[in-house]
Amino acid sequence: MNKKKSSAERGRKSPSPWMNEPPVGEALRKAYRDVAEEPVPERLQDLIRRLREQENKKD
């Protein structure tokens, strides 16, 4: 009977180094942490407020 060998049995090296890296989401959070912690600019807050007001008028 021919049984398939596991990767370890075939003498394969350990998985690629990227397999040991943190998940993508965690890496992105670390990369953009400073930006995410910045306050929202007042101009953008005003735009969001006006859009919400328009949306509420439609309801």
PDB file of N, CA and C in Angstrom:
ATOM      1  N   MET A   1       0.847  -1.184   0.000  1.00  0.00           N
ATOM      2  CA  MET A   1       0.000   0.000   0.000  1.00  0.00           C
ATOM      3  C   MET A   1       0.891   1.245   0.000  1.00  0.00           C
ATOM      4  N   ASN A   2       0.597   2.205  -0.873  1.00  0.00           N
ATOM      5  CA  ASN A   2       1.378   3.428  -0.989  1.00  0.00           C
ATOM      6  C   ASN A   2       0.734   4.532  -0.167  1.00  0.00           C
ATOM      7  N   LYS A   3       1.370   4.903   0.909  1.00  0.00           N
ATOM      8  CA  LYS A   3       0.837   5.931   1.799  1.00  0.00           C
ATOM      9  C   LYS A   3       1.559   7.245   1.523  1.00  0.00           C
ATOM     10  N   LYS A   4       0.807   8.354   1.408  1.00  0.00           N
ATOM     11  CA  LYS A   4       1.434   9.656   1.192  1.00  0.00           C
ATOM     12  C   LYS A   4       2.214  10.064   2.426  1.00  0.00           C
ATOM     13  N   LYS A   5       3.378  10.617   2.183  1.00  0.00           N
ATOM     14  CA  LYS A   5       4.209  11.064   3.298  1.00  0.00           C
ATOM     15  C   LYS A   5       3.859  12.500   3.648  1.00  0.00           C
ATOM     16  N   SER A   6       3.983  12.830   4.934  1.00  0.00           N
ATOM     17  CA  SER A   6       3.765  14.211   5.369  1.00  0.00           C
ATOM     18  C   SER A   6       4.961  15.041   4.934  1.00  0.00           C
ATOM     19  N   SER A   7       4.806  16.368   5.004  1.00  0.00           N
ATOM     20  CA  SER A   7       5.902  17.247   4.603  1.00  0.00           C
ATOM     21  C   SER A   7       7.142  17.002   5.451  1.00  0.00           C
ATOM     22  N   ALA A   8       6.953  16.692   6.723  1.00  0.00           N
ATOM     23  CA  ALA A   8       8.102  16.419   7.604  1.00  0.00           C
ATOM     24  C   ALA A   8       8.814  15.149   7.161  1.00  0.00           C
ATOM     25  N   GLU A   9       8.024  14.156   6.770  1.00  0.00           N
ATOM     26  CA  GLU A   9       8.606  12.893   6.330  1.00  0.00           C
ATOM     27  C   GLU A   9       9.339  13.049   5.005  1.00  0.00           C
ATOM     28  N   ARG A  10       8.912  13.982   4.189  1.00  0.00           N
ATOM     29  CA  ARG A  10       9.560  14.212   2.899  1.00  0.00           C
ATOM     30  C   ARG A  10      10.800  15.076   3.037  1.00  0.00           C
ATOM     31  N   GLY A  11      11.112  15.497   4.239  1.00  0.00           N
ATOM     32  CA  GLY A  11      12.303  16.302   4.471  1.00  0.00           C
ATOM     33  C   GLY A  11      12.144  17.760   4.098  1.00  0.00           C
ATOM     34  N   ARG A  12      10.904  18.212   4.004  1.00  0.00           N
ATOM     35  CA  ARG A  12      10.648  19.611   3.684  1.00  0.00           C
ATOM     36  C   ARG A  12      11.104  20.513   4.817  1.00  0.00           C
ATOM     37  N   LYS A  13      11.543  21.684   4.444  1.00  0.00           N
ATOM     38  CA  LYS A  13      11.912  22.679   5.450  1.00  0.00           C
ATOM     39  C   LYS A  13      10.653  23.180   6.148  1.00  0.00           C
ATOM     40  N   SER A  14      10.841  23.908   7.214  1.00  0.00           N
ATOM     41  CA  SER A  14       9.698  24.491   7.923  1.00  0.00           C
ATOM     42  C   SER A  14       8.978  25.472   7.003  1.00  0.00           C
ATOM     43  N   PRO A  15       7.747  25.851   7.346  1.00  0.00           N
ATOM     44  CA  PRO A  15       6.986  26.776   6.494  1.00  0.00           C
ATOM     45  C   PRO A  15       7.750  28.072   6.252  1.00  0.00           C
ATOM     46  N   SER A  16       7.337  28.773   5.231  1.00  0.00           N
ATOM     47  CA  SER A  16       7.962  30.050   4.883  1.00  0.00           C
ATOM     48  C   SER A  16       7.969  30.991   6.081  1.00  0.00           C
ATOM     49  N   PRO A  17       8.948  31.886   6.147  1.00  0.00           N
ATOM     50  CA  PRO A  17       9.025  32.835   7.274  1.00  0.00           C
ATOM     51  C   PRO A  17       7.771  33.682   7.438  1.00  0.00           C
ATOM     52  N   TRP A  18       7.071  33.989   6.331  1.00  0.00           N
ATOM     53  CA  TRP A  18       5.877  34.832   6.437  1.00  0.00           C
ATOM     54  C   TRP A  18       4.799  34.168   7.270  1.00  0.00           C
ATOM     55  N   MET A  19       4.856  32.854   7.408  1.00  0.00           N
ATOM     56  CA  MET A  19       3.860  32.139   8.204  1.00  0.00           C
ATOM     57  C   MET A  19       3.970  32.512   9.683  1.00  0.00           C
ATOM     58  N   ASN A  20       5.146  32.957  10.104  1.00  0.00           N
ATOM     59  CA  ASN A  20       5.354  33.322  11.504  1.00  0.00           C
ATOM     60  C   ASN A  20       5.062  34.795  11.776  1.00  0.00           C
ATOM     61  N   GLU A  21       4.757  35.559  10.741  1.00  0.00           N
ATOM     62  CA  GLU A  21       4.460  36.983  10.899  1.00  0.00           C
ATOM     63  C   GLU A  21       3.071  37.159  11.486  1.00  0.00           C
ATOM     64  N   PRO A  22       2.821  38.302  12.145  1.00  0.00           N
ATOM     65  CA  PRO A  22       1.491  38.544  12.707  1.00  0.00           C
ATOM     66  C   PRO A  22       0.457  38.669  11.586  1.00  0.00           C
ATOM     67  N   PRO A  23      -0.796  38.476  11.912  1.00  0.00           N
ATOM     68  CA  PRO A  23      -1.847  38.614  10.903  1.00  0.00           C
ATOM     69  C   PRO A  23      -1.819  39.994  10.250  1.00  0.00           C
ATOM     70  N   VAL A  24      -2.344  40.070   9.070  1.00  0.00           N
ATOM     71  CA  VAL A  24      -2.326  41.318   8.304  1.00  0.00           C
ATOM     72  C   VAL A  24      -2.975  42.460   9.072  1.00  0.00           C
ATOM     73  N   GLY A  25      -4.121  42.213   9.675  1.00  0.00           N
ATOM     74  CA  GLY A  25      -4.813  43.274  10.416  1.00  0.00           C
ATOM     75  C   GLY A  25      -3.963  43.866  11.519  1.00  0.00           C
ATOM     76  N   GLU A  26      -3.273  42.996  12.242  1.00  0.00           N
ATOM     77  CA  GLU A  26      -2.414  43.468  13.327  1.00  0.00           C
ATOM     78  C   GLU A  26      -1.268  44.299  12.767  1.00  0.00           C
ATOM     79  N   ALA A  27      -0.688  43.844  11.675  1.00  0.00           N
ATOM     80  CA  ALA A  27       0.422  44.578  11.057  1.00  0.00           C
ATOM     81  C   ALA A  27      -0.038  45.945  10.566  1.00  0.00           C
ATOM     82  N   LEU A  28      -1.240  45.999   9.980  1.00  0.00           N
ATOM     83  CA  LEU A  28      -1.756  47.286   9.514  1.00  0.00           C
ATOM     84  C   LEU A  28      -2.049  48.224  10.671  1.00  0.00           C
ATOM     85  N   ARG A  29      -2.615  47.678  11.756  1.00  0.00           N
ATOM     86  CA  ARG A  29      -2.874  48.526  12.934  1.00  0.00           C
ATOM     87  C   ARG A  29      -1.579  49.118  13.460  1.00  0.00           C
ATOM     88  N   LYS A  30      -0.524  48.330  13.510  1.00  0.00           N
ATOM     89  CA  LYS A  30       0.764  48.841  13.985  1.00  0.00           C
ATOM     90  C   LYS A  30       1.302  49.910  13.046  1.00  0.00           C
ATOM     91  N   ALA A  31       1.174  49.659  11.743  1.00  0.00           N
ATOM     92  CA  ALA A  31       1.709  50.600  10.761  1.00  0.00           C
ATOM     93  C   ALA A  31       0.986  51.939  10.783  1.00  0.00           C
ATOM     94  N   TYR A  32      -0.335  51.904  11.030  1.00  0.00           N
ATOM     95  CA  TYR A  32      -1.135  53.119  10.968  1.00  0.00           C
ATOM     96  C   TYR A  32      -1.622  53.600  12.325  1.00  0.00           C
ATOM     97  N   ARG A  33      -1.028  53.105  13.397  1.00  0.00           N
ATOM     98  CA  ARG A  33      -1.460  53.470  14.742  1.00  0.00           C
ATOM     99  C   ARG A  33      -1.458  54.983  14.948  1.00  0.00           C
ATOM    100  N   ASP A  34      -0.383  55.642  14.549  1.00  0.00           N
ATOM    101  CA  ASP A  34      -0.292  57.091  14.753  1.00  0.00           C
ATOM    102  C   ASP A  34      -1.405  57.836  14.017  1.00  0.00           C
ATOM    103  N   VAL A  35      -1.662  57.421  12.795  1.00  0.00           N
ATOM    104  CA  VAL A  35      -2.699  58.077  12.006  1.00  0.00           C
ATOM    105  C   VAL A  35      -4.066  57.848  12.639  1.00  0.00           C
ATOM    106  N   ALA A  36      -4.319  56.641  13.094  1.00  0.00           N
ATOM    107  CA  ALA A  36      -5.618  56.312  13.686  1.00  0.00           C
ATOM    108  C   ALA A  36      -5.869  57.083  14.976  1.00  0.00           C
ATOM    109  N   GLU A  37      -4.822  57.466  15.654  1.00  0.00           N
ATOM    110  CA  GLU A  37      -4.972  58.188  16.921  1.00  0.00           C
ATOM    111  C   GLU A  37      -5.076  59.696  16.737  1.00  0.00           C
ATOM    112  N   GLU A  38      -4.856  60.181  15.509  1.00  0.00           N
ATOM    113  CA  GLU A  38      -4.962  61.615  15.260  1.00  0.00           C
ATOM    114  C   GLU A  38      -6.422  62.045  15.349  1.00  0.00           C
ATOM    115  N   PRO A  39      -6.670  63.260  15.814  1.00  0.00           N
ATOM    116  CA  PRO A  39      -8.057  63.730  15.869  1.00  0.00           C
ATOM    117  C   PRO A  39      -8.594  63.956  14.453  1.00  0.00           C
ATOM    118  N   VAL A  40      -9.902  63.825  14.319  1.00  0.00           N
ATOM    119  CA  VAL A  40     -10.539  64.066  13.029  1.00  0.00           C
ATOM    120  C   VAL A  40     -10.531  65.576  12.795  1.00  0.00           C
ATOM    121  N   PRO A  41     -10.062  66.029  11.635  1.00  0.00           N
ATOM    122  CA  PRO A  41     -10.022  67.472  11.363  1.00  0.00           C
ATOM    123  C   PRO A  41     -11.408  68.102  11.483  1.00  0.00           C
ATOM    124  N   GLU A  42     -11.432  69.323  11.975  1.00  0.00           N
ATOM    125  CA  GLU A  42     -12.694  70.025  12.195  1.00  0.00           C
ATOM    126  C   GLU A  42     -13.498  70.147  10.908  1.00  0.00           C
ATOM    127  N   ARG A  43     -12.817  70.377   9.804  1.00  0.00           N
ATOM    128  CA  ARG A  43     -13.487  70.508   8.508  1.00  0.00           C
ATOM    129  C   ARG A  43     -14.225  69.212   8.154  1.00  0.00           C
ATOM    130  N   LEU A  44     -13.604  68.084   8.411  1.00  0.00           N
ATOM    131  CA  LEU A  44     -14.237  66.799   8.128  1.00  0.00           C
ATOM    132  C   LEU A  44     -15.390  66.530   9.088  1.00  0.00           C
ATOM    133  N   GLN A  45     -15.214  66.915  10.361  1.00  0.00           N
ATOM    134  CA  GLN A  45     -16.302  66.765  11.337  1.00  0.00           C
ATOM    135  C   GLN A  45     -17.526  67.562  10.895  1.00  0.00           C
ATOM    136  N   ASP A  46     -17.279  68.769  10.386  1.00  0.00           N
ATOM    137  CA  ASP A  46     -18.366  69.621   9.925  1.00  0.00           C
ATOM    138  C   ASP A  46     -19.077  68.979   8.736  1.00  0.00           C
ATOM    139  N   LEU A  47     -18.320  68.430   7.810  1.00  0.00           N
ATOM    140  CA  LEU A  47     -18.912  67.769   6.653  1.00  0.00           C
ATOM    141  C   LEU A  47     -19.766  66.583   7.083  1.00  0.00           C
ATOM    142  N   ILE A  48     -19.269  65.777   7.988  1.00  0.00           N
ATOM    143  CA  ILE A  48     -20.024  64.625   8.492  1.00  0.00           C
ATOM    144  C   ILE A  48     -21.316  65.084   9.165  1.00  0.00           C
ATOM    145  N   ARG A  49     -21.219  66.133   9.962  1.00  0.00           N
ATOM    146  CA  ARG A  49     -22.402  66.667  10.638  1.00  0.00           C
ATOM    147  C   ARG A  49     -23.450  67.112   9.624  1.00  0.00           C
ATOM    148  N   ARG A  50     -23.026  67.848   8.581  1.00  0.00           N
ATOM    149  CA  ARG A  50     -23.968  68.327   7.568  1.00  0.00           C
ATOM    150  C   ARG A  50     -24.602  67.163   6.799  1.00  0.00           C
ATOM    151  N   LEU A  51     -23.826  66.160   6.483  1.00  0.00           N
ATOM    152  CA  LEU A  51     -24.366  64.991   5.782  1.00  0.00           C
ATOM    153  C   LEU A  51     -25.390  64.254   6.641  1.00  0.00           C
ATOM    154  N   ARG A  52     -25.103  64.139   7.927  1.00  0.00           N
ATOM    155  CA  ARG A  52     -26.060  63.493   8.833  1.00  0.00           C
ATOM    156  C   ARG A  52     -27.347  64.297   8.929  1.00  0.00           C
ATOM    157  N   GLU A  53     -27.226  65.618   8.963  1.00  0.00           N
ATOM    158  CA  GLU A  53     -28.414  66.476   9.030  1.00  0.00           C
ATOM    159  C   GLU A  53     -29.270  66.286   7.780  1.00  0.00           C
ATOM    160  N   GLN A  54     -28.613  66.231   6.611  1.00  0.00           N
ATOM    161  CA  GLN A  54     -29.357  66.012   5.357  1.00  0.00           C
ATOM    162  C   GLN A  54     -30.029  64.645   5.366  1.00  0.00           C
ATOM    163  N   GLU A  55     -29.337  63.658   5.861  1.00  0.00           N
ATOM    164  CA  GLU A  55     -29.894  62.314   5.917  1.00  0.00           C
ATOM    165  C   GLU A  55     -31.098  62.267   6.838  1.00  0.00           C
ATOM    166  N   ASN A  56     -31.009  62.954   7.982  1.00  0.00           N
ATOM    167  CA  ASN A  56     -32.118  62.974   8.941  1.00  0.00           C
ATOM    168  C   ASN A  56     -33.347  63.700   8.367  1.00  0.00           C
ATOM    169  N   LYS A  57     -33.134  64.701   7.513  1.00  0.00           N
ATOM    170  CA  LYS A  57     -34.240  65.428   6.888  1.00  0.00           C
ATOM    171  C   LYS A  57     -35.023  64.527   5.944  1.00  0.00           C
ATOM    172  N   LYS A  58     -34.333  63.565   5.338  1.00  0.00           N
ATOM    173  CA  LYS A  58     -34.984  62.640   4.407  1.00  0.00           C
ATOM    174  C   LYS A  58     -35.916  61.693   5.146  1.00  0.00           C
ATOM    175  N   ASP A  59     -35.606  61.387   6.390  1.00  0.00           N
ATOM    176  CA  ASP A  59     -36.414  60.438   7.175  1.00  0.00           C
ATOM    177  C   ASP A  59     -37.649  61.087   7.629  1.00  0.00           C
TER     178      ASP A  59
END
